[in-house]
Amino acid sequence: MIAASVSDENIRTAELVAIQTEVNHLPIFAEYDLDRFPKLSRLVFDLFSEEEGLDALFGLVREALPERLNETAYALCCDVTAADGRLREVELRFLEEIRYELKIDRLAAAAIERGARARRMTL
């Protein structure tokens, strides 16, 4: 989620609120140690500043994330990038890279993306 927010080089308040809300309310984070969050954030920022940092980031994600949670991770990234109500081209490319790296099939990705869009609709 942090990487999705950082992908356009502009972390928006709505994205930070979305991350905080997800971490505070979703069962997947029930056992998550919140003290790790600042260190993890710094790691993501550092990796984004390196030439091969994105490849290293995805390697770490694949290593730490059980495959059964790949769609969950993708859904959380979609929610974060959609949080401000606008998807930028760089964010769309980042989501495409996540889909590829996590092996999310097109039909599942489309459903996840549509769900994120539906949750962010306004009157």
Protein backbone atom coordinates (compact mmCIF):
# COMPACT_ATOMS: atom_id res chain seq x y z
CA MET A 1 0.00 0.00 0.00
CA ILE A 2 2.85 2.36 0.78
CA ALA A 3 4.45 1.68 -2.58
CA ALA A 4 1.13 2.30 -4.34
CA SER A 5 0.87 5.67 -2.62
CA VAL A 6 4.47 6.59 -3.43
CA SER A 7 4.26 5.41 -7.05
CA ASP A 8 3.33 8.86 -8.39
CA GLU A 9 5.94 10.57 -6.18
CA ASN A 10 3.21 12.46 -4.33
CA ILE A 11 1.73 10.94 -1.19
CA ARG A 12 -1.73 12.37 -0.73
CA THR A 13 -3.55 12.71 2.57
CA ALA A 14 -6.44 10.62 1.25
CA GLU A 15 -4.00 7.79 0.49
CA LEU A 16 -2.48 7.95 3.96
CA VAL A 17 -5.94 7.90 5.52
CA ALA A 18 -6.87 4.90 3.36
CA ILE A 19 -3.74 3.03 4.49
CA GLN A 20 -4.41 3.86 8.13
CA THR A 21 -8.05 2.81 7.84
CA GLU A 22 -7.15 -0.50 6.20
CA VAL A 23 -4.47 -1.30 8.77
CA ASN A 24 -6.73 -0.37 11.67
CA HIS A 25 -9.85 -2.21 10.52
CA LEU A 26 -9.11 -5.19 8.30
CA PRO A 27 -8.68 -8.64 9.85
CA ILE A 28 -5.58 -9.28 7.74
CA PHE A 29 -3.76 -6.71 9.91
CA ALA A 30 -5.06 -7.92 13.28
CA GLU A 31 -1.63 -9.24 14.27
CA TYR A 32 0.40 -6.60 12.46
CA ASP A 33 2.96 -4.79 14.59
CA LEU A 34 2.31 -1.10 13.95
CA ASP A 35 5.78 -0.25 15.22
CA ARG A 36 7.12 -1.73 11.96
CA PHE A 37 5.29 0.83 9.86
CA PRO A 38 7.87 3.69 9.96
CA LYS A 39 10.74 1.31 9.17
CA LEU A 40 8.76 -0.27 6.33
CA SER A 41 7.89 3.16 4.95
CA ARG A 42 11.55 4.19 4.94
CA LEU A 43 12.47 0.96 3.16
CA VAL A 44 9.91 1.62 0.42
CA PHE A 45 11.13 5.21 -0.01
CA ASP A 46 14.73 4.00 -0.20
CA LEU A 47 13.89 1.32 -2.74
CA PHE A 48 12.03 3.81 -4.94
CA SER A 49 15.18 5.94 -5.06
CA GLU A 50 17.35 3.06 -6.33
CA GLU A 51 17.69 2.06 -9.96
CA GLU A 52 16.66 -1.58 -9.38
CA GLY A 53 14.60 -0.76 -6.30
CA LEU A 54 11.24 -1.72 -7.75
CA ASP A 55 12.51 -5.19 -8.62
CA ALA A 56 13.89 -5.52 -5.10
CA LEU A 57 10.57 -4.35 -3.64
CA PHE A 58 8.62 -6.95 -5.59
CA GLY A 59 11.10 -9.61 -4.56
CA LEU A 60 10.54 -8.73 -0.91
CA VAL A 61 6.77 -8.73 -1.39
CA ARG A 62 6.77 -12.14 -3.08
CA GLU A 63 9.01 -13.51 -0.34
CA ALA A 64 6.88 -12.19 2.54
CA LEU A 65 3.38 -12.56 1.09
CA PRO A 66 1.69 -15.95 0.95
CA GLU A 67 0.41 -16.51 -2.59
CA ARG A 68 -3.16 -16.90 -1.33
CA LEU A 69 -3.04 -13.21 -0.31
CA ASN A 70 -1.92 -11.85 -3.69
CA GLU A 71 -5.43 -10.71 -4.63
CA THR A 72 -5.86 -9.12 -1.20
CA ALA A 73 -2.62 -7.19 -1.64
CA TYR A 74 -3.69 -6.04 -5.09
CA ALA A 75 -7.10 -4.96 -3.77
CA LEU A 76 -5.46 -2.91 -1.03
CA CYS A 77 -3.18 -1.21 -3.56
CA CYS A 78 -6.19 -0.42 -5.75
CA ASP A 79 -8.02 1.09 -2.80
CA VAL A 80 -5.03 3.28 -1.91
CA THR A 81 -4.47 4.56 -5.44
CA ALA A 82 -8.20 5.28 -5.82
CA ALA A 83 -8.44 7.03 -2.44
CA ASP A 84 -8.05 10.55 -3.80
CA GLY A 85 -10.65 9.96 -6.51
CA ARG A 86 -8.20 10.18 -9.39
CA LEU A 87 -5.85 7.63 -10.92
CA ARG A 88 -2.79 9.03 -12.62
CA GLU A 89 -1.00 7.29 -15.48
CA VAL A 90 1.99 6.39 -13.31
CA GLU A 91 -0.34 4.82 -10.72
CA LEU A 92 -2.05 2.78 -13.43
CA ARG A 93 1.34 1.55 -14.67
CA PHE A 94 2.32 0.64 -11.12
CA LEU A 95 -0.90 -1.34 -10.65
CA GLU A 96 -0.19 -3.10 -13.94
CA GLU A 97 3.25 -4.05 -12.66
CA ILE A 98 1.74 -5.34 -9.40
CA ARG A 99 -0.75 -7.46 -11.36
CA TYR A 100 2.11 -8.96 -13.33
CA GLU A 101 4.40 -9.54 -10.36
CA LEU A 102 1.66 -11.08 -8.20
CA LYS A 103 0.25 -13.09 -11.12
CA ILE A 104 -3.27 -11.67 -10.80
CA ASP A 105 -5.32 -12.86 -13.78
CA ARG A 106 -7.14 -10.25 -15.86
CA LEU A 107 -10.65 -11.21 -14.81
CA ALA A 108 -9.81 -11.11 -11.09
CA ALA A 109 -7.94 -7.82 -11.57
CA ALA A 110 -10.89 -6.26 -13.38
CA ALA A 111 -13.26 -7.29 -10.59
CA ILE A 112 -10.92 -5.93 -7.92
CA GLU A 113 -10.45 -2.67 -9.81
CA ARG A 114 -14.20 -2.27 -10.32
CA GLY A 115 -14.75 -2.83 -6.61
CA ALA A 116 -12.22 -0.13 -5.72
CA ARG A 117 -13.87 2.24 -8.16
CA ALA A 118 -17.33 1.49 -6.78
CA ARG A 119 -16.18 2.18 -3.21
CA ARG A 120 -14.85 5.62 -4.22
CA MET A 121 -17.87 6.88 -6.20
CA THR A 122 -19.43 10.17 -5.13
CA LEU A 123 -22.83 11.72 -5.70
